[in-house]
Amino acid sequence: MKKIKTAVIGAAGYTGGELLRLLVHHPHVDLVYAHSNSQKGKKVSDLHPDLIGDTELEFSGEVITEGIDAVFLALPHGATKGFLEEHPFGKDTVIIDLSTDFRNESNGFVYGLPEINKEKIKTSKRIANPGCFATGIQLALAPAVAAGWVNQPVHISGITGSTGAGKGLSETTHFSYRSGNMSVYKLFTHQHLKEIKQTFGQIRPGFDSELLFVPYRGNFTRGIWVTAYLPFEGDLLDALSIYESFYKDAPFTHVSHIDIDLKQAVNTNKCILHLQKEKGQLVIYSAIDNLLKGASGQAVQNFNLAFGLDERSGLNLKGIAF
């Protein structure tokens, strides 16, 4: 088939760099340009040195809107709306936004969580990619919400690597802060809770259970581990059956019957789940790579769906394992 002319805006950051790594090897993509105002004229492989030998592309400071089939927007949160007003793409260009700007499904955007909205994504030209914690938490709890098991406050904890905070330097991403350290931030108020509640309200109208989420900063670079638990009177085997049925058509979300660890998911587009029942509680563990299934990998998954491709195209990645 004809290759899809594709651009990445904001290609110098972590999610932009991950998009380039995926797209230069995607069998159906013609990567037309990678945009960055701060890096224009530089070789992509000078900023992302692991791409040496994979691409000779240089960063462009010019935004080209004509003749582009798909554009990924990896801009800072709050910047996308103004960017699109200044640089309108054609109505047939598929726009996949990785910021928070349109996750409320405003301006004609569809929320891009494939496990929930696959059919909508297939026919959409405007896709709002979910947040990283939001992805891990929603995939952990969506089957339980759909089954009507979530009727009380749900306790959730999640730990993320330092890349989740973006490429900009700050005190809490500095090596001397993160190394050998852990800390809590945005207790019960994390911004991803809005999109999580929006999805759960669509899955189960009237959903209003409290999500008591404790986010942690981890002393590693990438990956997210989520633990959630809720009262559950049923049998563990029944819960496993419900979860496996819910994700039967989800090629990247897997329910493991044995203990899991974070490195199984790092460097992949997988979400790996494991369930336990202890002391009347259903406990769900969820592991993803925050830059892949939590951002750029899921964006490419949405791209594949929007163009009628195999959902796994360009995403058969090797986990680091150890």
C-alpha atoms as a PDB file:
ATOM      1  CA  MET A   1       0.000   0.000   0.000  1.00  0.00           C
ATOM      2  CA  LYS A   2       0.993   3.637  -0.435  1.00  0.00           C
ATOM      3  CA  LYS A   3       3.004   4.913   2.520  1.00  0.00           C
ATOM      4  CA  ILE A   4       1.338   7.401   4.860  1.00  0.00           C
ATOM      5  CA  LYS A   5       2.962  10.843   4.824  1.00  0.00           C
ATOM      6  CA  THR A   6       3.530  11.594   8.485  1.00  0.00           C
ATOM      7  CA  ALA A   7       4.936  14.434  10.593  1.00  0.00           C
ATOM      8  CA  VAL A   8       5.897  14.796  14.270  1.00  0.00           C
ATOM      9  CA  ILE A   9       5.546  18.203  15.941  1.00  0.00           C
ATOM     10  CA  GLY A  10       7.570  18.590  19.122  1.00  0.00           C
ATOM     11  CA  ALA A  11      10.045  15.899  18.125  1.00  0.00           C
ATOM     12  CA  ALA A  12      12.846  16.889  20.508  1.00  0.00           C
ATOM     13  CA  GLY A  13      11.253  15.697  23.762  1.00  0.00           C
ATOM     14  CA  TYR A  14      10.906  12.231  25.237  1.00  0.00           C
ATOM     15  CA  THR A  15       7.562  11.375  23.637  1.00  0.00           C
ATOM     16  CA  GLY A  16       8.596  13.012  20.356  1.00  0.00           C
ATOM     17  CA  GLY A  17      11.802  11.004  20.339  1.00  0.00           C
ATOM     18  CA  GLU A  18       9.927   7.779  21.028  1.00  0.00           C
ATOM     19  CA  LEU A  19       7.577   8.567  18.140  1.00  0.00           C
ATOM     20  CA  LEU A  20      10.559   8.988  15.808  1.00  0.00           C
ATOM     21  CA  ARG A  21      12.044   5.672  16.968  1.00  0.00           C
ATOM     22  CA  LEU A  22       8.787   3.903  16.163  1.00  0.00           C
ATOM     23  CA  LEU A  23       7.927   5.708  12.938  1.00  0.00           C
ATOM     24  CA  VAL A  24      11.307   5.383  11.181  1.00  0.00           C
ATOM     25  CA  HIS A  25      10.820   1.603  11.330  1.00  0.00           C
ATOM     26  CA  HIS A  26       7.060   1.541  10.693  1.00  0.00           C
ATOM     27  CA  PRO A  27       6.405  -0.365   7.443  1.00  0.00           C
ATOM     28  CA  HIS A  28       3.590   1.964   6.323  1.00  0.00           C
ATOM     29  CA  VAL A  29       5.057   5.371   7.238  1.00  0.00           C
ATOM     30  CA  ASP A  30       6.852   7.962   5.150  1.00  0.00           C
ATOM     31  CA  LEU A  31       8.247  10.277   7.850  1.00  0.00           C
ATOM     32  CA  VAL A  32       8.160  13.597   6.011  1.00  0.00           C
ATOM     33  CA  TYR A  33       9.511  15.839   8.767  1.00  0.00           C
ATOM     34  CA  ALA A  34      10.237  16.150  12.468  1.00  0.00           C
ATOM     35  CA  HIS A  35       9.540  19.623  13.811  1.00  0.00           C
ATOM     36  CA  SER A  36      11.394  21.389  16.610  1.00  0.00           C
ATOM     37  CA  ASN A  37      11.947  25.124  16.948  1.00  0.00           C
ATOM     38  CA  SER A  38      14.828  24.639  19.383  1.00  0.00           C
ATOM     39  CA  GLN A  39      16.675  22.021  17.289  1.00  0.00           C
ATOM     40  CA  LYS A  40      15.936  23.124  13.704  1.00  0.00           C
ATOM     41  CA  GLY A  41      18.712  22.299  11.254  1.00  0.00           C
ATOM     42  CA  LYS A  42      20.284  19.664  13.503  1.00  0.00           C
ATOM     43  CA  LYS A  43      20.344  15.999  12.583  1.00  0.00           C
ATOM     44  CA  VAL A  44      17.744  13.987  14.441  1.00  0.00           C
ATOM     45  CA  SER A  45      20.410  11.420  15.333  1.00  0.00           C
ATOM     46  CA  ASP A  46      22.536  14.120  17.003  1.00  0.00           C
ATOM     47  CA  LEU A  47      19.807  14.747  19.567  1.00  0.00           C
ATOM     48  CA  HIS A  48      18.533  11.144  19.670  1.00  0.00           C
ATOM     49  CA  PRO A  49      21.890   9.358  19.175  1.00  0.00           C
ATOM     50  CA  ASP A  50      20.380   5.857  19.303  1.00  0.00           C
ATOM     51  CA  LEU A  51      18.891   6.654  15.863  1.00  0.00           C
ATOM     52  CA  ILE A  52      22.304   6.914  14.199  1.00  0.00           C
ATOM     53  CA  GLY A  53      22.214   4.769  11.076  1.00  0.00           C
ATOM     54  CA  ASP A  54      18.390   4.673  11.123  1.00  0.00           C
ATOM     55  CA  THR A  55      17.611   8.106   9.670  1.00  0.00           C
ATOM     56  CA  GLU A  56      19.343  11.074   8.042  1.00  0.00           C
ATOM     57  CA  LEU A  57      16.399  13.354   8.830  1.00  0.00           C
ATOM     58  CA  GLU A  58      17.067  16.860  10.156  1.00  0.00           C
ATOM     59  CA  PHE A  59      14.785  18.806  12.461  1.00  0.00           C
ATOM     60  CA  SER A  60      12.613  21.304  10.653  1.00  0.00           C
ATOM     61  CA  GLY A  61      11.550  24.671  12.027  1.00  0.00           C
ATOM     62  CA  GLU A  62       8.809  24.945   9.411  1.00  0.00           C
ATOM     63  CA  VAL A  63       5.307  23.543   9.928  1.00  0.00           C
ATOM     64  CA  ILE A  64       4.058  21.986   6.688  1.00  0.00           C
ATOM     65  CA  THR A  65       0.325  21.327   6.650  1.00  0.00           C
ATOM     66  CA  GLU A  66      -0.273  20.528   2.970  1.00  0.00           C
ATOM     67  CA  GLY A  67       0.062  16.950   1.746  1.00  0.00           C
ATOM     68  CA  ILE A  68       0.352  15.476   5.252  1.00  0.00           C
ATOM     69  CA  ASP A  69      -1.779  12.386   5.933  1.00  0.00           C
ATOM     70  CA  ALA A  70      -1.078  12.181   9.675  1.00  0.00           C
ATOM     71  CA  VAL A  71       0.500  14.416  12.294  1.00  0.00           C
ATOM     72  CA  PHE A  72       1.505  13.582  15.851  1.00  0.00           C
ATOM     73  CA  LEU A  73       1.496  16.512  18.264  1.00  0.00           C
ATOM     74  CA  ALA A  74       3.979  16.033  21.116  1.00  0.00           C
ATOM     75  CA  LEU A  75       3.705  19.595  22.398  1.00  0.00           C
ATOM     76  CA  PRO A  76       3.584  20.777  26.027  1.00  0.00           C
ATOM     77  CA  HIS A  77       0.226  20.542  27.774  1.00  0.00           C
ATOM     78  CA  GLY A  78      -1.871  23.594  26.960  1.00  0.00           C
ATOM     79  CA  ALA A  79      -0.015  24.405  23.732  1.00  0.00           C
ATOM     80  CA  THR A  80      -1.877  22.228  21.239  1.00  0.00           C
ATOM     81  CA  LYS A  81      -5.064  24.240  20.877  1.00  0.00           C
ATOM     82  CA  GLY A  82      -3.200  27.440  20.002  1.00  0.00           C
ATOM     83  CA  PHE A  83      -0.863  25.550  17.663  1.00  0.00           C
ATOM     84  CA  LEU A  84      -3.769  24.110  15.667  1.00  0.00           C
ATOM     85  CA  GLU A  85      -5.426  27.514  15.436  1.00  0.00           C
ATOM     86  CA  GLU A  86      -2.192  28.932  13.994  1.00  0.00           C
ATOM     87  CA  HIS A  87      -1.457  25.902  11.790  1.00  0.00           C
ATOM     88  CA  PRO A  88      -4.747  24.346  10.591  1.00  0.00           C
ATOM     89  CA  PHE A  89      -4.341  20.947   8.935  1.00  0.00           C
ATOM     90  CA  GLY A  90      -6.754  19.658   6.315  1.00  0.00           C
ATOM     91  CA  LYS A  91      -9.961  17.931   7.415  1.00  0.00           C
ATOM     92  CA  ASP A  92      -8.631  14.603   6.091  1.00  0.00           C
ATOM     93  CA  THR A  93      -5.363  14.773   8.040  1.00  0.00           C
ATOM     94  CA  VAL A  94      -5.392  12.453  11.046  1.00  0.00           C
ATOM     95  CA  ILE A  95      -4.274  14.445  14.097  1.00  0.00           C
ATOM     96  CA  ILE A  96      -3.087  12.522  17.160  1.00  0.00           C
ATOM     97  CA  ASP A  97      -2.492  14.775  20.157  1.00  0.00           C
ATOM     98  CA  LEU A  98      -0.404  13.547  23.089  1.00  0.00           C
ATOM     99  CA  SER A  99      -1.223  16.497  25.385  1.00  0.00           C
ATOM    100  CA  THR A 100      -4.090  16.915  27.850  1.00  0.00           C
ATOM    101  CA  ASP A 101      -5.779  19.581  25.712  1.00  0.00           C
ATOM    102  CA  PHE A 102      -8.536  17.499  24.099  1.00  0.00           C
ATOM    103  CA  ARG A 103      -8.866  14.464  26.355  1.00  0.00           C
ATOM    104  CA  ASN A 104     -12.295  15.774  27.364  1.00  0.00           C
ATOM    105  CA  GLU A 105     -13.292  14.999  23.742  1.00  0.00           C
ATOM    106  CA  SER A 106     -13.782  18.669  22.855  1.00  0.00           C
ATOM    107  CA  ASN A 107     -13.214  20.098  19.353  1.00  0.00           C
ATOM    108  CA  GLY A 108     -14.216  16.841  17.673  1.00  0.00           C
ATOM    109  CA  PHE A 109     -11.509  14.712  19.323  1.00  0.00           C
ATOM    110  CA  VAL A 110     -12.113  11.096  20.332  1.00  0.00           C
ATOM    111  CA  TYR A 111     -10.429   9.764  23.473  1.00  0.00           C
ATOM    112  CA  GLY A 112      -7.825   7.331  22.194  1.00  0.00           C
ATOM    113  CA  LEU A 113      -7.904   4.374  24.579  1.00  0.00           C
ATOM    114  CA  PRO A 114      -8.157   1.493  22.061  1.00  0.00           C
ATOM    115  CA  GLU A 115      -9.364  -1.081  24.571  1.00  0.00           C
ATOM    116  CA  ILE A 116     -12.484   1.037  25.133  1.00  0.00           C
ATOM    117  CA  ASN A 117     -12.943   3.225  22.049  1.00  0.00           C
ATOM    118  CA  LYS A 118     -11.550   1.115  19.201  1.00  0.00           C
ATOM    119  CA  GLU A 119     -14.519   1.510  16.870  1.00  0.00           C
ATOM    120  CA  LYS A 120     -14.666   5.291  17.381  1.00  0.00           C
ATOM    121  CA  ILE A 121     -10.918   5.605  16.769  1.00  0.00           C
ATOM    122  CA  LYS A 122     -11.197   3.696  13.484  1.00  0.00           C
ATOM    123  CA  THR A 123     -13.421   6.401  12.004  1.00  0.00           C
ATOM    124  CA  SER A 124     -11.897   9.468  13.648  1.00  0.00           C
ATOM    125  CA  LYS A 125      -9.559  12.116  12.236  1.00  0.00           C
ATOM    126  CA  ARG A 126      -8.946  13.703  15.650  1.00  0.00           C
ATOM    127  CA  ILE A 127      -7.604  11.501  18.443  1.00  0.00           C
ATOM    128  CA  ALA A 128      -6.623  12.574  21.965  1.00  0.00           C
ATOM    129  CA  ASN A 129      -4.030  10.155  23.319  1.00  0.00           C
ATOM    130  CA  PRO A 130      -4.541   9.176  26.995  1.00  0.00           C
ATOM    131  CA  GLY A 131      -2.185  10.068  29.815  1.00  0.00           C
ATOM    132  CA  CYS A 132       0.298   7.515  31.115  1.00  0.00           C
ATOM    133  CA  PHE A 133      -1.075   6.991  34.640  1.00  0.00           C
ATOM    134  CA  ALA A 134      -4.580   7.193  33.152  1.00  0.00           C
ATOM    135  CA  THR A 135      -3.780   4.308  30.809  1.00  0.00           C
ATOM    136  CA  GLY A 136      -2.381   2.053  33.524  1.00  0.00           C
ATOM    137  CA  ILE A 137      -5.253   2.772  35.931  1.00  0.00           C
ATOM    138  CA  GLN A 138      -8.060   2.520  33.372  1.00  0.00           C
ATOM    139  CA  LEU A 139      -6.833  -0.811  32.036  1.00  0.00           C
ATOM    140  CA  ALA A 140      -6.503  -2.092  35.605  1.00  0.00           C
ATOM    141  CA  LEU A 141     -10.055  -1.172  36.569  1.00  0.00           C
ATOM    142  CA  ALA A 142     -12.202  -0.961  33.413  1.00  0.00           C
ATOM    143  CA  PRO A 143     -13.448  -4.600  33.530  1.00  0.00           C
ATOM    144  CA  ALA A 144     -14.341  -4.214  37.215  1.00  0.00           C
ATOM    145  CA  VAL A 145     -16.216  -0.978  36.502  1.00  0.00           C
ATOM    146  CA  ALA A 146     -18.067  -2.566  33.574  1.00  0.00           C
ATOM    147  CA  ALA A 147     -19.031  -5.551  35.746  1.00  0.00           C
ATOM    148  CA  GLY A 148     -20.484  -3.259  38.425  1.00  0.00           C
ATOM    149  CA  TRP A 149     -17.999  -4.248  41.114  1.00  0.00           C
ATOM    150  CA  VAL A 150     -16.827  -0.696  41.853  1.00  0.00           C
ATOM    151  CA  ASN A 151     -19.388   0.801  44.228  1.00  0.00           C
ATOM    152  CA  GLN A 152     -17.128   2.136  46.970  1.00  0.00           C
ATOM    153  CA  PRO A 153     -13.950   4.250  47.073  1.00  0.00           C
ATOM    154  CA  VAL A 154     -11.128   2.515  45.223  1.00  0.00           C
ATOM    155  CA  HIS A 155      -7.610   2.656  46.623  1.00  0.00           C
ATOM    156  CA  ILE A 156      -4.926   3.101  43.954  1.00  0.00           C
ATOM    157  CA  SER A 157      -1.192   3.619  44.171  1.00  0.00           C
ATOM    158  CA  GLY A 158       1.101   4.142  41.210  1.00  0.00           C
ATOM    159  CA  ILE A 159       4.815   4.706  40.780  1.00  0.00           C
ATOM    160  CA  THR A 160       6.334   6.246  37.647  1.00  0.00           C
ATOM    161  CA  GLY A 161       9.840   6.657  36.302  1.00  0.00           C
ATOM    162  CA  SER A 162      11.494  10.051  35.909  1.00  0.00           C
ATOM    163  CA  THR A 163      10.776  10.261  32.161  1.00  0.00           C
ATOM    164  CA  GLY A 164       7.112  10.711  33.070  1.00  0.00           C
ATOM    165  CA  ALA A 165       7.940  14.285  34.085  1.00  0.00           C
ATOM    166  CA  GLY A 166       9.262  15.168  30.625  1.00  0.00           C
ATOM    167  CA  LYS A 167      12.674  16.241  29.389  1.00  0.00           C
ATOM    168  CA  GLY A 168      12.821  19.593  31.168  1.00  0.00           C
ATOM    169  CA  LEU A 169      15.037  19.607  34.253  1.00  0.00           C
ATOM    170  CA  SER A 170      13.591  20.161  37.702  1.00  0.00           C
ATOM    171  CA  GLU A 171      14.551  19.483  41.294  1.00  0.00           C
ATOM    172  CA  THR A 172      12.498  16.291  41.468  1.00  0.00           C
ATOM    173  CA  THR A 173      13.877  14.826  38.215  1.00  0.00           C
ATOM    174  CA  HIS A 174      17.494  15.596  39.109  1.00  0.00           C
ATOM    175  CA  PHE A 175      19.654  12.469  39.594  1.00  0.00           C
ATOM    176  CA  SER A 176      20.674  13.467  43.123  1.00  0.00           C
ATOM    177  CA  TYR A 177      16.978  13.704  44.098  1.00  0.00           C
ATOM    178  CA  ARG A 178      15.669  10.579  42.372  1.00  0.00           C
ATOM    179  CA  SER A 179      18.524   8.154  43.032  1.00  0.00           C
ATOM    180  CA  GLY A 180      17.794   5.967  46.050  1.00  0.00           C
ATOM    181  CA  ASN A 181      14.675   8.013  46.747  1.00  0.00           C
ATOM    182  CA  MET A 182      10.856   7.962  46.575  1.00  0.00           C
ATOM    183  CA  SER A 183       8.245  10.658  47.114  1.00  0.00           C
ATOM    184  CA  VAL A 184       4.521  11.312  46.785  1.00  0.00           C
ATOM    185  CA  TYR A 185       3.055  14.102  44.662  1.00  0.00           C
ATOM    186  CA  LYS A 186      -0.455  15.378  43.793  1.00  0.00           C
ATOM    187  CA  LEU A 187      -2.078  13.217  46.469  1.00  0.00           C
ATOM    188  CA  PHE A 188      -5.694  12.410  45.417  1.00  0.00           C
ATOM    189  CA  THR A 189      -5.594  15.323  42.903  1.00  0.00           C
ATOM    190  CA  HIS A 190      -3.610  14.010  39.923  1.00  0.00           C
ATOM    191  CA  GLN A 191      -4.752  15.562  36.624  1.00  0.00           C
ATOM    192  CA  HIS A 192      -5.301  12.163  35.002  1.00  0.00           C
ATOM    193  CA  LEU A 193      -8.205  11.433  37.347  1.00  0.00           C
ATOM    194  CA  LYS A 194     -10.491  13.597  35.168  1.00  0.00           C
ATOM    195  CA  GLU A 195     -10.052  11.476  32.069  1.00  0.00           C
ATOM    196  CA  ILE A 196     -10.262   8.253  34.090  1.00  0.00           C
ATOM    197  CA  LYS A 197     -13.609   9.263  35.585  1.00  0.00           C
ATOM    198  CA  GLN A 198     -14.817  10.363  32.143  1.00  0.00           C
ATOM    199  CA  THR A 199     -14.093   6.900  30.721  1.00  0.00           C
ATOM    200  CA  PHE A 200     -15.614   5.055  33.667  1.00  0.00           C
ATOM    201  CA  GLY A 201     -18.732   7.210  33.344  1.00  0.00           C
ATOM    202  CA  GLN A 202     -19.019   6.129  29.708  1.00  0.00           C
ATOM    203  CA  ILE A 203     -18.482   2.470  30.555  1.00  0.00           C
ATOM    204  CA  ARG A 204     -21.006   2.610  33.395  1.00  0.00           C
ATOM    205  CA  PRO A 205     -23.308   5.656  33.334  1.00  0.00           C
ATOM    206  CA  GLY A 206     -23.719   7.181  36.775  1.00  0.00           C
ATOM    207  CA  PHE A 207     -20.307   5.996  37.987  1.00  0.00           C
ATOM    208  CA  ASP A 208     -19.332   8.200  40.918  1.00  0.00           C
ATOM    209  CA  SER A 209     -17.062   6.109  43.147  1.00  0.00           C
ATOM    210  CA  GLU A 210     -14.127   7.962  44.626  1.00  0.00           C
ATOM    211  CA  LEU A 211     -10.693   7.139  43.173  1.00  0.00           C
ATOM    212  CA  LEU A 212      -8.169   7.583  45.968  1.00  0.00           C
ATOM    213  CA  PHE A 213      -4.956   7.740  43.958  1.00  0.00           C
ATOM    214  CA  VAL A 214      -1.499   8.069  45.516  1.00  0.00           C
ATOM    215  CA  PRO A 215       1.149   8.803  42.822  1.00  0.00           C
ATOM    216  CA  TYR A 216       4.814   8.159  43.588  1.00  0.00           C
ATOM    217  CA  ARG A 217       8.008   9.327  41.915  1.00  0.00           C
ATOM    218  CA  GLY A 218      10.249   6.310  41.349  1.00  0.00           C
ATOM    219  CA  ASN A 219      14.043   6.091  41.273  1.00  0.00           C
ATOM    220  CA  PHE A 220      14.128   4.608  37.750  1.00  0.00           C
ATOM    221  CA  THR A 221      13.767   6.160  34.318  1.00  0.00           C
ATOM    222  CA  ARG A 222      10.795   4.493  32.666  1.00  0.00           C
ATOM    223  CA  GLY A 223       7.783   2.385  33.460  1.00  0.00           C
ATOM    224  CA  ILE A 224       4.611   2.637  35.557  1.00  0.00           C
ATOM    225  CA  TRP A 225       3.402   0.193  38.174  1.00  0.00           C
ATOM    226  CA  VAL A 226      -0.168   0.528  39.456  1.00  0.00           C
ATOM    227  CA  THR A 227      -1.803  -1.339  42.335  1.00  0.00           C
ATOM    228  CA  ALA A 228      -5.552  -0.982  42.840  1.00  0.00           C
ATOM    229  CA  TYR A 229      -7.889  -2.819  45.187  1.00  0.00           C
ATOM    230  CA  LEU A 230     -11.604  -2.912  45.957  1.00  0.00           C
ATOM    231  CA  PRO A 231     -14.061  -5.038  47.973  1.00  0.00           C
ATOM    232  CA  PHE A 232     -15.006  -8.168  46.029  1.00  0.00           C
ATOM    233  CA  GLU A 233     -17.269 -11.023  47.077  1.00  0.00           C
ATOM    234  CA  GLY A 234     -16.751 -13.188  44.009  1.00  0.00           C
ATOM    235  CA  ASP A 235     -14.232 -15.870  43.160  1.00  0.00           C
ATOM    236  CA  LEU A 236     -10.801 -15.059  41.713  1.00  0.00           C
ATOM    237  CA  LEU A 237     -11.324 -17.440  38.799  1.00  0.00           C
ATOM    238  CA  ASP A 238     -14.525 -15.608  37.903  1.00  0.00           C
ATOM    239  CA  ALA A 239     -12.685 -12.277  38.019  1.00  0.00           C
ATOM    240  CA  LEU A 240      -9.941 -13.643  35.756  1.00  0.00           C
ATOM    241  CA  SER A 241     -12.550 -14.884  33.314  1.00  0.00           C
ATOM    242  CA  ILE A 242     -14.235 -11.442  33.202  1.00  0.00           C
ATOM    243  CA  TYR A 243     -10.902  -9.687  32.646  1.00  0.00           C
ATOM    244  CA  GLU A 244      -9.768 -12.076  29.932  1.00  0.00           C
ATOM    245  CA  SER A 245     -13.098 -11.772  28.138  1.00  0.00           C
ATOM    246  CA  PHE A 246     -12.991  -7.961  28.365  1.00  0.00           C
ATOM    247  CA  TYR A 247      -9.548  -7.862  26.720  1.00  0.00           C
ATOM    248  CA  LYS A 248      -9.971 -10.747  24.289  1.00  0.00           C
ATOM    249  CA  ASP A 249      -9.656  -8.408  21.279  1.00  0.00           C
ATOM    250  CA  ALA A 250      -6.924  -6.228  22.796  1.00  0.00           C
ATOM    251  CA  PRO A 251      -3.577  -7.313  21.299  1.00  0.00           C
ATOM    252  CA  PHE A 252      -1.460  -5.386  23.812  1.00  0.00           C
ATOM    253  CA  THR A 253      -3.320  -5.932  27.094  1.00  0.00           C
ATOM    254  CA  HIS A 254      -2.663  -9.265  28.745  1.00  0.00           C
ATOM    255  CA  VAL A 255      -3.855 -10.935  31.946  1.00  0.00           C
ATOM    256  CA  SER A 256      -1.122 -12.997  33.581  1.00  0.00           C
ATOM    257  CA  HIS A 257      -1.942 -15.888  35.916  1.00  0.00           C
ATOM    258  CA  ILE A 258       1.508 -15.666  37.503  1.00  0.00           C
ATOM    259  CA  ASP A 259       3.231 -12.807  39.317  1.00  0.00           C
ATOM    260  CA  ILE A 260       4.398  -9.971  37.083  1.00  0.00           C
ATOM    261  CA  ASP A 261       7.144  -7.376  37.243  1.00  0.00           C
ATOM    262  CA  LEU A 262       7.684  -3.987  35.630  1.00  0.00           C
ATOM    263  CA  LYS A 263      10.480  -5.008  33.256  1.00  0.00           C
ATOM    264  CA  GLN A 264       8.080  -7.318  31.411  1.00  0.00           C
ATOM    265  CA  ALA A 265       6.350  -4.192  30.076  1.00  0.00           C
ATOM    266  CA  VAL A 266       9.257  -1.732  29.725  1.00  0.00           C
ATOM    267  CA  ASN A 267      10.212  -1.050  26.091  1.00  0.00           C
ATOM    268  CA  THR A 268       6.958  -2.589  24.844  1.00  0.00           C
ATOM    269  CA  ASN A 269       3.449  -1.372  24.058  1.00  0.00           C
ATOM    270  CA  LYS A 270       1.981  -3.941  26.446  1.00  0.00           C
ATOM    271  CA  CYS A 271      -0.138  -3.498  29.526  1.00  0.00           C
ATOM    272  CA  ILE A 272       0.327  -6.567  31.712  1.00  0.00           C
ATOM    273  CA  LEU A 273      -2.232  -7.230  34.435  1.00  0.00           C
ATOM    274  CA  HIS A 274      -2.267  -9.639  37.369  1.00  0.00           C
ATOM    275  CA  LEU A 275      -5.136 -10.260  39.809  1.00  0.00           C
ATOM    276  CA  GLN A 276      -5.177 -11.561  43.374  1.00  0.00           C
ATOM    277  CA  LYS A 277      -7.891 -11.939  46.000  1.00  0.00           C
ATOM    278  CA  GLU A 278      -6.891 -11.345  49.593  1.00  0.00           C
ATOM    279  CA  LYS A 279      -8.997 -10.543  52.691  1.00  0.00           C
ATOM    280  CA  GLY A 280     -12.132  -9.850  50.669  1.00  0.00           C
ATOM    281  CA  GLN A 281     -10.337  -7.504  48.291  1.00  0.00           C
ATOM    282  CA  LEU A 282      -9.729  -7.872  44.567  1.00  0.00           C
ATOM    283  CA  VAL A 283      -6.197  -6.598  43.971  1.00  0.00           C
ATOM    284  CA  ILE A 284      -5.163  -5.632  40.451  1.00  0.00           C
ATOM    285  CA  TYR A 285      -1.593  -4.935  39.374  1.00  0.00           C
ATOM    286  CA  SER A 286      -0.920  -3.095  36.118  1.00  0.00           C
ATOM    287  CA  ALA A 287       2.466  -2.583  34.412  1.00  0.00           C
ATOM    288  CA  ILE A 288       3.160  -0.389  31.379  1.00  0.00           C
ATOM    289  CA  ASP A 289       5.979   1.598  29.810  1.00  0.00           C
ATOM    290  CA  ASN A 290       5.005   5.234  30.400  1.00  0.00           C
ATOM    291  CA  LEU A 291       6.622   6.398  27.137  1.00  0.00           C
ATOM    292  CA  LEU A 292       5.156   3.622  24.969  1.00  0.00           C
ATOM    293  CA  LYS A 293       1.765   2.239  26.029  1.00  0.00           C
ATOM    294  CA  GLY A 294       1.478   5.362  28.177  1.00  0.00           C
ATOM    295  CA  ALA A 295       2.267   7.757  25.323  1.00  0.00           C
ATOM    296  CA  SER A 296       3.982   7.269  21.960  1.00  0.00           C
ATOM    297  CA  GLY A 297       3.338   3.550  21.470  1.00  0.00           C
ATOM    298  CA  GLN A 298      -0.361   4.012  22.139  1.00  0.00           C
ATOM    299  CA  ALA A 299      -0.328   6.993  19.737  1.00  0.00           C
ATOM    300  CA  VAL A 300       1.046   4.721  16.994  1.00  0.00           C
ATOM    301  CA  GLN A 301      -1.552   2.090  17.934  1.00  0.00           C
ATOM    302  CA  ASN A 302      -4.228   4.762  17.398  1.00  0.00           C
ATOM    303  CA  PHE A 303      -2.586   5.743  14.091  1.00  0.00           C
ATOM    304  CA  ASN A 304      -2.807   2.118  12.956  1.00  0.00           C
ATOM    305  CA  LEU A 305      -6.490   1.936  13.824  1.00  0.00           C
ATOM    306  CA  ALA A 306      -7.281   5.244  12.115  1.00  0.00           C
ATOM    307  CA  PHE A 307      -5.671   4.042   8.871  1.00  0.00           C
ATOM    308  CA  GLY A 308      -7.134   0.540   8.909  1.00  0.00           C
ATOM    309  CA  LEU A 309      -3.775  -1.131   9.572  1.00  0.00           C
ATOM    310  CA  ASP A 310      -2.958  -4.097  11.761  1.00  0.00           C
ATOM    311  CA  GLU A 311      -3.074  -2.663  15.284  1.00  0.00           C
ATOM    312  CA  ARG A 312       0.387  -4.103  15.961  1.00  0.00           C
ATOM    313  CA  SER A 313       2.158  -2.565  12.936  1.00  0.00           C
ATOM    314  CA  GLY A 314       5.467  -1.054  13.989  1.00  0.00           C
ATOM    315  CA  LEU A 315       4.888  -2.085  17.602  1.00  0.00           C
ATOM    316  CA  ASN A 316       6.321  -5.592  17.832  1.00  0.00           C
ATOM    317  CA  LEU A 317       8.946  -4.492  20.326  1.00  0.00           C
ATOM    318  CA  LYS A 318      11.294  -6.498  22.507  1.00  0.00           C
ATOM    319  CA  GLY A 319      10.959  -6.012  26.259  1.00  0.00           C
ATOM    320  CA  ILE A 320      14.158  -5.480  28.224  1.00  0.00           C
ATOM    321  CA  ALA A 321      13.314  -8.465  30.497  1.00  0.00           C
ATOM    322  CA  PHE A 322      16.328  -7.939  32.780  1.00  0.00           C
END
